[in-house]
């Protein structure tokens, strides 16, 4: 994930990072909440972090 990712990419990342698979409903709910709060933007099938400072912090600390 380099700033933009599809739902399936995010699911794969979470499974690798956490070691278990979240439910589809949980991931969808959480992504929708992050979009509503402005932490993520959705463009078609792609999710991205619109704020450059937050994007830098998130990508730097992975």
Protein backbone atom coordinates (compact mmCIF):
# COMPACT_ATOMS: atom_id res chain seq x y z
CA UNK A 1 0.00 0.00 0.00
CA UNK A 2 1.69 3.15 -1.15
CA UNK A 3 -0.96 5.73 -0.39
CA UNK A 4 -3.72 4.16 -2.49
CA UNK A 5 -5.29 0.74 -2.06
CA UNK A 6 -8.32 -1.27 -2.97
CA UNK A 7 -10.54 -2.96 -0.40
CA UNK A 8 -8.93 -6.33 -1.15
CA UNK A 9 -5.41 -4.88 -0.72
CA UNK A 10 -6.37 -3.51 2.68
CA UNK A 11 -7.84 -6.90 3.68
CA UNK A 12 -4.64 -8.71 2.63
CA UNK A 13 -2.50 -6.21 4.54
CA UNK A 14 -4.59 -6.62 7.69
CA UNK A 15 -4.45 -10.41 7.50
CA UNK A 16 -0.66 -10.32 7.14
CA UNK A 17 -0.19 -7.71 9.85
CA UNK A 18 -2.68 -8.93 12.46
CA UNK A 19 -2.61 -12.63 11.67
CA UNK A 20 -6.34 -13.10 11.38
CA UNK A 21 -9.02 -12.08 8.93
CA UNK A 22 -11.52 -9.41 9.97
CA UNK A 23 -15.05 -9.94 8.75
CA UNK A 24 -16.07 -8.20 5.54
CA UNK A 25 -18.68 -6.24 7.48
CA UNK A 26 -16.12 -5.03 10.03
CA UNK A 27 -13.66 -3.86 7.40
CA UNK A 28 -16.37 -2.15 5.35
CA UNK A 29 -17.79 -0.42 8.43
CA UNK A 30 -14.39 0.79 9.56
CA UNK A 31 -13.40 2.05 6.10
CA UNK A 32 -16.73 3.86 5.72
CA UNK A 33 -16.25 5.50 9.13
CA UNK A 34 -12.73 6.64 8.19
CA UNK A 35 -14.12 8.12 4.95
CA UNK A 36 -16.87 9.94 6.87
CA UNK A 37 -14.30 11.36 9.32
CA UNK A 38 -12.07 12.53 6.48
CA UNK A 39 -9.09 10.29 7.24
CA UNK A 40 -9.65 8.38 3.98
CA UNK A 41 -11.02 9.36 0.60
CA UNK A 42 -12.73 6.94 -1.75
CA UNK A 43 -12.46 7.28 -5.52
CA UNK A 44 -14.24 4.40 -7.23
CA UNK A 45 -12.64 1.24 -5.83
CA UNK A 46 -9.60 3.05 -4.46
CA UNK A 47 -9.04 4.34 -0.93
CA UNK A 48 -6.41 6.98 -0.24
CA UNK A 49 -5.24 9.27 2.54
CA UNK A 50 -6.02 12.82 1.37
CA UNK A 51 -4.05 14.76 4.00
CA UNK A 52 -0.33 14.73 3.11
CA UNK A 53 0.84 14.99 6.72
CA UNK A 54 -1.31 12.09 7.89
CA UNK A 55 -0.30 10.09 4.78
CA UNK A 56 3.37 10.66 5.55
CA UNK A 57 2.95 9.67 9.21
CA UNK A 58 0.96 6.52 8.41
CA UNK A 59 3.26 5.33 5.64
CA UNK A 60 6.42 6.17 7.60
CA UNK A 61 5.36 4.19 10.69
CA UNK A 62 4.32 0.99 8.93
